[in-house]
Amino acid sequence: MYFYCERIIDGPYGEPLNSFTNIFFLIVSFLILKDSFKQKELLLPLIVFFIGISSFAFHTFPTKLNSSLDVFFIVSFMVVYSYKIYKNKFGFNKIISSTITVFFIASSYYLGYYLSTFLIGSSSYYIAIVIHLFLLSYLFKRKQNYNKSSIYLYYATLVFSISLFFRFLDQIICPYLDTGTHFLWHIFNSIVLYLLIKFYLLTPNRSTPEKPTNANKE
C-alpha cells in the first residue's frame, strides 16, 4: 500500500518519518490529560492517543485493517468533538447537536468523494473540516465572552489549513524530496488537536434552555 511519498520499500521500515512523528499525538494526549482530568473530559485526549497508535500501526504495517483503524479514530474525534461543541458550548439539545454532527460527517465524505476525483485526491476529504473550523471561528468570534479562549480555535484553524497543504503536497514533491511532507501533516495535526481540546476545555459550557414550567409561568 504505497500511499505516501516516503514509502519506497515494503516492510515496517518503509516510512520511518511517517511512523515516528505519530509520537507527537501521544505527547499531546499526555500534555492535555491533566486539564482534561480536572474537568472529567477524558474521552478527547484518549481518542488522540489512539489516533497516534493507529496511525503508527498504519504507517509501519500498511494493511487494510490498520488503515480502517486509522480512519475510525480520526472520524471518532470528529464526531465526539463536534457533538460536544454544539451541545456543551452552544447549548443545543442532543437532537440538534447530533443532527449537526451527522451533517458535518456526511458533508466531509460526499464533498471529499466528489472533489477527490479531479482535485487533490484523498486530501479532499478534509476540506469540509477546514470549512467547519472557519465557521466555528466565525460563530465564536461573535460571542464576546468567548474571546479569550477563541484564540485557540483561530490558531487551530490556521494550523490545520497549513497542515492540509503539506498533506496535499506529499505526492507532488516526491521527485524533489524523498521523504515527502506527510510527516509534517502528523506534527501540525497534533498541534491542531492540542489547540482544539484546549479551546474546548477553556470555553464555558452553556446550558440547554429549559422549557418553562407552570411554576415559572406563575
C-alpha atoms as a PDB file:
ATOM      1  CA  MET A   1       0.000   0.000   0.000  1.00  0.00           C
ATOM      2  CA  TYR A   2       2.183   2.783  -1.351  1.00  0.00           C
ATOM      3  CA  PHE A   3       0.005   5.751  -0.461  1.00  0.00           C
ATOM      4  CA  TYR A   4       2.711   8.177   0.616  1.00  0.00           C
ATOM      5  CA  CYS A   5       5.859   9.543  -0.938  1.00  0.00           C
ATOM      6  CA  GLU A   6       8.202   8.265   1.780  1.00  0.00           C
ATOM      7  CA  ARG A   7       7.367   4.573   1.257  1.00  0.00           C
ATOM      8  CA  ILE A   8       9.590   3.130  -1.441  1.00  0.00           C
ATOM      9  CA  ILE A   9      10.137  -0.320   0.114  1.00  0.00           C
ATOM     10  CA  ASP A  10       7.962  -2.965   1.775  1.00  0.00           C
ATOM     11  CA  GLY A  11       8.169  -3.758   5.466  1.00  0.00           C
ATOM     12  CA  PRO A  12       7.888  -1.877   8.754  1.00  0.00           C
ATOM     13  CA  TYR A  13      10.796   0.481   7.993  1.00  0.00           C
ATOM     14  CA  GLY A  14       9.331   1.809   4.766  1.00  0.00           C
ATOM     15  CA  GLU A  15       8.052   5.059   6.323  1.00  0.00           C
ATOM     16  CA  PRO A  16      10.359   5.922   9.243  1.00  0.00           C
ATOM     17  CA  LEU A  17       9.414   9.611   9.462  1.00  0.00           C
ATOM     18  CA  ASN A  18       5.695   8.996   8.955  1.00  0.00           C
ATOM     19  CA  SER A  19       5.813   6.319  11.651  1.00  0.00           C
ATOM     20  CA  PHE A  20       7.949   8.187  14.186  1.00  0.00           C
ATOM     21  CA  THR A  21       6.100  11.511  14.035  1.00  0.00           C
ATOM     22  CA  ASN A  22       2.988   9.867  15.461  1.00  0.00           C
ATOM     23  CA  ILE A  23       4.719  10.212  18.812  1.00  0.00           C
ATOM     24  CA  PHE A  24       3.517  13.827  18.782  1.00  0.00           C
ATOM     25  CA  PHE A  25      -0.086  12.634  19.133  1.00  0.00           C
ATOM     26  CA  LEU A  26       0.907  10.641  22.209  1.00  0.00           C
ATOM     27  CA  ILE A  27       2.735  13.643  23.664  1.00  0.00           C
ATOM     28  CA  VAL A  28      -0.302  15.860  23.114  1.00  0.00           C
ATOM     29  CA  SER A  29      -2.628  13.338  24.741  1.00  0.00           C
ATOM     30  CA  PHE A  30      -0.459  13.369  27.869  1.00  0.00           C
ATOM     31  CA  LEU A  31       0.046  17.156  27.850  1.00  0.00           C
ATOM     32  CA  ILE A  32      -3.690  17.774  27.802  1.00  0.00           C
ATOM     33  CA  LEU A  33      -4.559  14.958  30.189  1.00  0.00           C
ATOM     34  CA  LYS A  34      -4.132  16.980  33.405  1.00  0.00           C
ATOM     35  CA  ASP A  35      -6.565  19.720  32.354  1.00  0.00           C
ATOM     36  CA  SER A  36      -8.955  17.147  30.909  1.00  0.00           C
ATOM     37  CA  PHE A  37      -8.890  15.128  34.123  1.00  0.00           C
ATOM     38  CA  LYS A  38      -9.879  18.191  36.165  1.00  0.00           C
ATOM     39  CA  GLN A  39     -12.984  18.679  34.011  1.00  0.00           C
ATOM     40  CA  LYS A  40     -13.681  14.948  33.654  1.00  0.00           C
ATOM     41  CA  GLU A  41     -13.306  15.223  29.876  1.00  0.00           C
ATOM     42  CA  LEU A  42     -11.020  12.249  29.292  1.00  0.00           C
ATOM     43  CA  LEU A  43     -12.560  10.987  26.055  1.00  0.00           C
ATOM     44  CA  LEU A  44     -10.940  13.543  23.743  1.00  0.00           C
ATOM     45  CA  PRO A  45      -7.308  13.015  24.871  1.00  0.00           C
ATOM     46  CA  LEU A  46      -7.956   9.269  24.867  1.00  0.00           C
ATOM     47  CA  ILE A  47      -9.034   9.393  21.217  1.00  0.00           C
ATOM     48  CA  VAL A  48      -5.951  11.483  20.374  1.00  0.00           C
ATOM     49  CA  PHE A  49      -3.805   8.783  21.974  1.00  0.00           C
ATOM     50  CA  PHE A  50      -5.389   6.097  19.793  1.00  0.00           C
ATOM     51  CA  ILE A  51      -5.063   8.303  16.697  1.00  0.00           C
ATOM     52  CA  GLY A  52      -1.315   8.208  17.312  1.00  0.00           C
ATOM     53  CA  ILE A  53      -1.281   4.444  17.921  1.00  0.00           C
ATOM     54  CA  SER A  54      -3.433   3.573  14.897  1.00  0.00           C
ATOM     55  CA  SER A  55      -1.576   5.960  12.592  1.00  0.00           C
ATOM     56  CA  PHE A  56       1.747   4.496  13.725  1.00  0.00           C
ATOM     57  CA  ALA A  57       0.418   0.994  13.040  1.00  0.00           C
ATOM     58  CA  PHE A  58      -0.787   2.005   9.574  1.00  0.00           C
ATOM     59  CA  HIS A  59       2.450   3.692   8.519  1.00  0.00           C
ATOM     60  CA  THR A  60       4.518   0.811   9.917  1.00  0.00           C
ATOM     61  CA  PHE A  61       2.305  -2.053   8.744  1.00  0.00           C
ATOM     62  CA  PRO A  62       0.095  -0.605   5.963  1.00  0.00           C
ATOM     63  CA  THR A  63      -2.678  -3.204   5.980  1.00  0.00           C
ATOM     64  CA  LYS A  64      -6.369  -2.606   5.283  1.00  0.00           C
ATOM     65  CA  LEU A  65      -7.172  -3.294   8.943  1.00  0.00           C
ATOM     66  CA  ASN A  66      -4.725  -0.672  10.191  1.00  0.00           C
ATOM     67  CA  SER A  67      -5.969   1.754   7.568  1.00  0.00           C
ATOM     68  CA  SER A  68      -9.536   1.237   8.797  1.00  0.00           C
ATOM     69  CA  LEU A  69      -8.485   1.759  12.423  1.00  0.00           C
ATOM     70  CA  ASP A  70      -6.657   4.943  11.446  1.00  0.00           C
ATOM     71  CA  VAL A  71      -9.772   6.324   9.772  1.00  0.00           C
ATOM     72  CA  PHE A  72     -12.018   5.114  12.610  1.00  0.00           C
ATOM     73  CA  PHE A  73     -10.219   7.098  15.318  1.00  0.00           C
ATOM     74  CA  ILE A  74      -9.960  10.221  13.158  1.00  0.00           C
ATOM     75  CA  VAL A  75     -13.696  10.116  12.467  1.00  0.00           C
ATOM     76  CA  SER A  76     -14.337   9.324  16.138  1.00  0.00           C
ATOM     77  CA  PHE A  77     -12.622  12.553  17.158  1.00  0.00           C
ATOM     78  CA  MET A  78     -14.622  14.497  14.566  1.00  0.00           C
ATOM     79  CA  VAL A  79     -17.904  13.034  15.824  1.00  0.00           C
ATOM     80  CA  VAL A  80     -17.228  13.414  19.548  1.00  0.00           C
ATOM     81  CA  TYR A  81     -15.715  16.887  19.271  1.00  0.00           C
ATOM     82  CA  SER A  82     -18.457  18.238  17.018  1.00  0.00           C
ATOM     83  CA  TYR A  83     -21.218  16.846  19.233  1.00  0.00           C
ATOM     84  CA  LYS A  84     -19.632  18.185  22.413  1.00  0.00           C
ATOM     85  CA  ILE A  85     -19.062  21.638  20.935  1.00  0.00           C
ATOM     86  CA  TYR A  86     -22.657  22.089  19.826  1.00  0.00           C
ATOM     87  CA  LYS A  87     -24.185  20.515  22.918  1.00  0.00           C
ATOM     88  CA  ASN A  88     -21.974  21.956  25.640  1.00  0.00           C
ATOM     89  CA  LYS A  89     -20.646  25.214  24.182  1.00  0.00           C
ATOM     90  CA  PHE A  90     -23.630  26.331  22.103  1.00  0.00           C
ATOM     91  CA  GLY A  91     -26.177  24.823  24.468  1.00  0.00           C
ATOM     92  CA  PHE A  92     -28.122  22.918  21.808  1.00  0.00           C
ATOM     93  CA  ASN A  93     -30.098  19.843  22.818  1.00  0.00           C
ATOM     94  CA  LYS A  94     -28.978  16.313  21.970  1.00  0.00           C
ATOM     95  CA  ILE A  95     -31.112  16.026  18.822  1.00  0.00           C
ATOM     96  CA  ILE A  96     -29.873  19.260  17.259  1.00  0.00           C
ATOM     97  CA  SER A  97     -26.264  18.547  18.229  1.00  0.00           C
ATOM     98  CA  SER A  98     -26.488  15.044  16.754  1.00  0.00           C
ATOM     99  CA  THR A  99     -28.093  16.347  13.547  1.00  0.00           C
ATOM    100  CA  ILE A 100     -25.366  18.942  13.008  1.00  0.00           C
ATOM    101  CA  THR A 101     -22.700  16.323  13.680  1.00  0.00           C
ATOM    102  CA  VAL A 102     -24.202  13.850  11.200  1.00  0.00           C
ATOM    103  CA  PHE A 103     -24.457  16.606   8.586  1.00  0.00           C
ATOM    104  CA  PHE A 104     -20.812  17.542   9.185  1.00  0.00           C
ATOM    105  CA  ILE A 105     -19.578  13.950   8.793  1.00  0.00           C
ATOM    106  CA  ALA A 106     -21.746  13.322   5.727  1.00  0.00           C
ATOM    107  CA  SER A 107     -20.622  16.558   4.063  1.00  0.00           C
ATOM    108  CA  SER A 108     -16.978  15.650   4.747  1.00  0.00           C
ATOM    109  CA  TYR A 109     -17.463  12.322   2.970  1.00  0.00           C
ATOM    110  CA  TYR A 110     -19.527  13.467  -0.010  1.00  0.00           C
ATOM    111  CA  LEU A 111     -17.563  16.659  -0.632  1.00  0.00           C
ATOM    112  CA  GLY A 112     -14.328  14.690  -0.359  1.00  0.00           C
ATOM    113  CA  TYR A 113     -15.605  11.956  -2.667  1.00  0.00           C
ATOM    114  CA  TYR A 114     -16.694  14.494  -5.272  1.00  0.00           C
ATOM    115  CA  LEU A 115     -13.511  16.580  -5.185  1.00  0.00           C
ATOM    116  CA  SER A 116     -11.093  13.642  -4.932  1.00  0.00           C
ATOM    117  CA  THR A 117     -11.857  12.530  -8.482  1.00  0.00           C
ATOM    118  CA  PHE A 118     -10.367  15.613 -10.091  1.00  0.00           C
ATOM    119  CA  LEU A 119      -8.731  17.824  -7.473  1.00  0.00           C
ATOM    120  CA  ILE A 120      -6.435  16.816  -4.597  1.00  0.00           C
ATOM    121  CA  GLY A 121      -7.071  13.126  -4.039  1.00  0.00           C
ATOM    122  CA  SER A 122      -7.738  11.835  -0.527  1.00  0.00           C
ATOM    123  CA  SER A 123      -6.876  15.233   0.967  1.00  0.00           C
ATOM    124  CA  SER A 124     -10.251  16.398  -0.364  1.00  0.00           C
ATOM    125  CA  TYR A 125     -11.977  14.566   2.484  1.00  0.00           C
ATOM    126  CA  TYR A 126     -10.528  17.112   4.922  1.00  0.00           C
ATOM    127  CA  ILE A 127     -11.747  20.246   3.149  1.00  0.00           C
ATOM    128  CA  ALA A 128     -15.073  20.129   4.981  1.00  0.00           C
ATOM    129  CA  ILE A 129     -13.133  20.191   8.268  1.00  0.00           C
ATOM    130  CA  VAL A 130     -11.407  23.422   7.241  1.00  0.00           C
ATOM    131  CA  ILE A 131     -14.764  24.934   6.320  1.00  0.00           C
ATOM    132  CA  HIS A 132     -16.238  23.754   9.616  1.00  0.00           C
ATOM    133  CA  LEU A 133     -13.372  25.261  11.624  1.00  0.00           C
ATOM    134  CA  PHE A 134     -13.723  28.603   9.835  1.00  0.00           C
ATOM    135  CA  LEU A 135     -17.464  28.527  10.543  1.00  0.00           C
ATOM    136  CA  LEU A 136     -16.893  27.781  14.230  1.00  0.00           C
ATOM    137  CA  SER A 137     -14.302  30.561  14.418  1.00  0.00           C
ATOM    138  CA  TYR A 138     -16.797  33.000  12.951  1.00  0.00           C
ATOM    139  CA  LEU A 139     -19.599  31.928  15.275  1.00  0.00           C
ATOM    140  CA  PHE A 140     -17.483  32.128  18.408  1.00  0.00           C
ATOM    141  CA  LYS A 141     -15.987  35.451  17.345  1.00  0.00           C
ATOM    142  CA  ARG A 142     -19.473  36.929  17.640  1.00  0.00           C
ATOM    143  CA  LYS A 143     -19.677  35.853  21.287  1.00  0.00           C
ATOM    144  CA  GLN A 144     -17.726  38.437  23.283  1.00  0.00           C
ATOM    145  CA  ASN A 145     -17.427  36.263  26.394  1.00  0.00           C
ATOM    146  CA  TYR A 146     -15.530  33.637  24.390  1.00  0.00           C
ATOM    147  CA  ASN A 147     -12.785  35.921  23.089  1.00  0.00           C
ATOM    148  CA  LYS A 148     -10.037  34.687  25.420  1.00  0.00           C
ATOM    149  CA  SER A 149     -10.493  31.010  24.631  1.00  0.00           C
ATOM    150  CA  SER A 150     -11.310  31.563  20.956  1.00  0.00           C
ATOM    151  CA  ILE A 151      -7.681  32.345  20.161  1.00  0.00           C
ATOM    152  CA  TYR A 152      -7.003  28.602  20.417  1.00  0.00           C
ATOM    153  CA  LEU A 153      -9.719  27.921  17.840  1.00  0.00           C
ATOM    154  CA  TYR A 154      -8.355  30.575  15.473  1.00  0.00           C
ATOM    155  CA  TYR A 155      -4.848  29.134  15.692  1.00  0.00           C
ATOM    156  CA  ALA A 156      -6.196  25.599  15.214  1.00  0.00           C
ATOM    157  CA  THR A 157      -7.976  26.708  12.036  1.00  0.00           C
ATOM    158  CA  LEU A 158      -4.826  28.359  10.681  1.00  0.00           C
ATOM    159  CA  VAL A 159      -2.529  25.457  11.555  1.00  0.00           C
ATOM    160  CA  PHE A 160      -4.902  22.871  10.078  1.00  0.00           C
ATOM    161  CA  SER A 161      -5.051  24.815   6.807  1.00  0.00           C
ATOM    162  CA  ILE A 162      -1.244  24.714   6.667  1.00  0.00           C
ATOM    163  CA  SER A 163      -1.269  21.027   7.636  1.00  0.00           C
ATOM    164  CA  LEU A 164      -3.676  20.141   4.834  1.00  0.00           C
ATOM    165  CA  PHE A 165      -1.442  21.955   2.358  1.00  0.00           C
ATOM    166  CA  PHE A 166       1.501  19.720   3.334  1.00  0.00           C
ATOM    167  CA  ARG A 167      -0.671  16.603   3.037  1.00  0.00           C
ATOM    168  CA  PHE A 168      -1.638  17.624  -0.483  1.00  0.00           C
ATOM    169  CA  LEU A 169       1.972  18.458  -1.321  1.00  0.00           C
ATOM    170  CA  ASP A 170       3.275  14.985  -0.362  1.00  0.00           C
ATOM    171  CA  GLN A 171       2.939  13.245  -3.723  1.00  0.00           C
ATOM    172  CA  ILE A 172       3.743  16.326  -5.804  1.00  0.00           C
ATOM    173  CA  ILE A 173       7.085  16.910  -4.145  1.00  0.00           C
ATOM    174  CA  CYS A 174       8.241  13.268  -4.393  1.00  0.00           C
ATOM    175  CA  PRO A 175      10.644  13.847  -7.321  1.00  0.00           C
ATOM    176  CA  TYR A 176      12.439  16.539  -5.311  1.00  0.00           C
ATOM    177  CA  LEU A 177      12.183  15.285  -1.715  1.00  0.00           C
ATOM    178  CA  ASP A 178      12.282  11.553  -0.999  1.00  0.00           C
ATOM    179  CA  THR A 179      10.799  11.880   2.482  1.00  0.00           C
ATOM    180  CA  GLY A 180       7.719  13.688   1.208  1.00  0.00           C
ATOM    181  CA  THR A 181       5.773  16.016   3.520  1.00  0.00           C
ATOM    182  CA  HIS A 182       3.216  13.701   5.130  1.00  0.00           C
ATOM    183  CA  PHE A 183       5.214  13.610   8.354  1.00  0.00           C
ATOM    184  CA  LEU A 184       4.553  17.359   8.684  1.00  0.00           C
ATOM    185  CA  TRP A 185       0.833  16.561   8.495  1.00  0.00           C
ATOM    186  CA  HIS A 186       1.283  14.488  11.657  1.00  0.00           C
ATOM    187  CA  ILE A 187       3.231  17.176  13.502  1.00  0.00           C
ATOM    188  CA  PHE A 188       0.881  20.011  12.605  1.00  0.00           C
ATOM    189  CA  ASN A 189      -2.217  17.925  13.271  1.00  0.00           C
ATOM    190  CA  SER A 190      -1.016  17.035  16.750  1.00  0.00           C
ATOM    191  CA  ILE A 191      -0.766  20.776  17.400  1.00  0.00           C
ATOM    192  CA  VAL A 192      -4.258  21.267  15.948  1.00  0.00           C
ATOM    193  CA  LEU A 193      -5.740  18.648  18.271  1.00  0.00           C
ATOM    194  CA  TYR A 194      -3.992  20.212  21.254  1.00  0.00           C
ATOM    195  CA  LEU A 195      -5.394  23.643  20.374  1.00  0.00           C
ATOM    196  CA  LEU A 196      -8.897  22.295  19.759  1.00  0.00           C
ATOM    197  CA  ILE A 197      -9.046  20.459  23.071  1.00  0.00           C
ATOM    198  CA  LYS A 198      -7.545  23.452  24.890  1.00  0.00           C
ATOM    199  CA  PHE A 199     -10.236  25.644  23.339  1.00  0.00           C
ATOM    200  CA  TYR A 200     -12.935  23.211  24.389  1.00  0.00           C
ATOM    201  CA  LEU A 201     -11.701  22.999  27.983  1.00  0.00           C
ATOM    202  CA  LEU A 202     -11.342  26.777  28.389  1.00  0.00           C
ATOM    203  CA  THR A 203     -14.681  27.679  26.840  1.00  0.00           C
ATOM    204  CA  PRO A 204     -17.509  27.755  29.419  1.00  0.00           C
ATOM    205  CA  ASN A 205     -20.463  25.448  28.932  1.00  0.00           C
ATOM    206  CA  ARG A 206     -23.861  26.799  28.041  1.00  0.00           C
ATOM    207  CA  SER A 207     -26.852  25.023  29.479  1.00  0.00           C
ATOM    208  CA  THR A 208     -29.585  23.749  27.196  1.00  0.00           C
ATOM    209  CA  PRO A 209     -32.586  26.098  27.533  1.00  0.00           C
ATOM    210  CA  GLU A 210     -35.294  24.511  29.633  1.00  0.00           C
ATOM    211  CA  LYS A 211     -38.979  24.704  28.843  1.00  0.00           C
ATOM    212  CA  PRO A 212     -40.837  26.928  31.298  1.00  0.00           C
ATOM    213  CA  THR A 213     -42.773  25.037  33.970  1.00  0.00           C
ATOM    214  CA  ASN A 214     -46.165  26.011  35.315  1.00  0.00           C
ATOM    215  CA  ALA A 215     -44.454  27.370  38.421  1.00  0.00           C
ATOM    216  CA  ASN A 216     -42.244  29.604  36.315  1.00  0.00           C
ATOM    217  CA  LYS A 217     -45.225  30.907  34.401  1.00  0.00           C
ATOM    218  CA  GLU A 218     -46.916  31.968  37.616  1.00  0.00           C
END
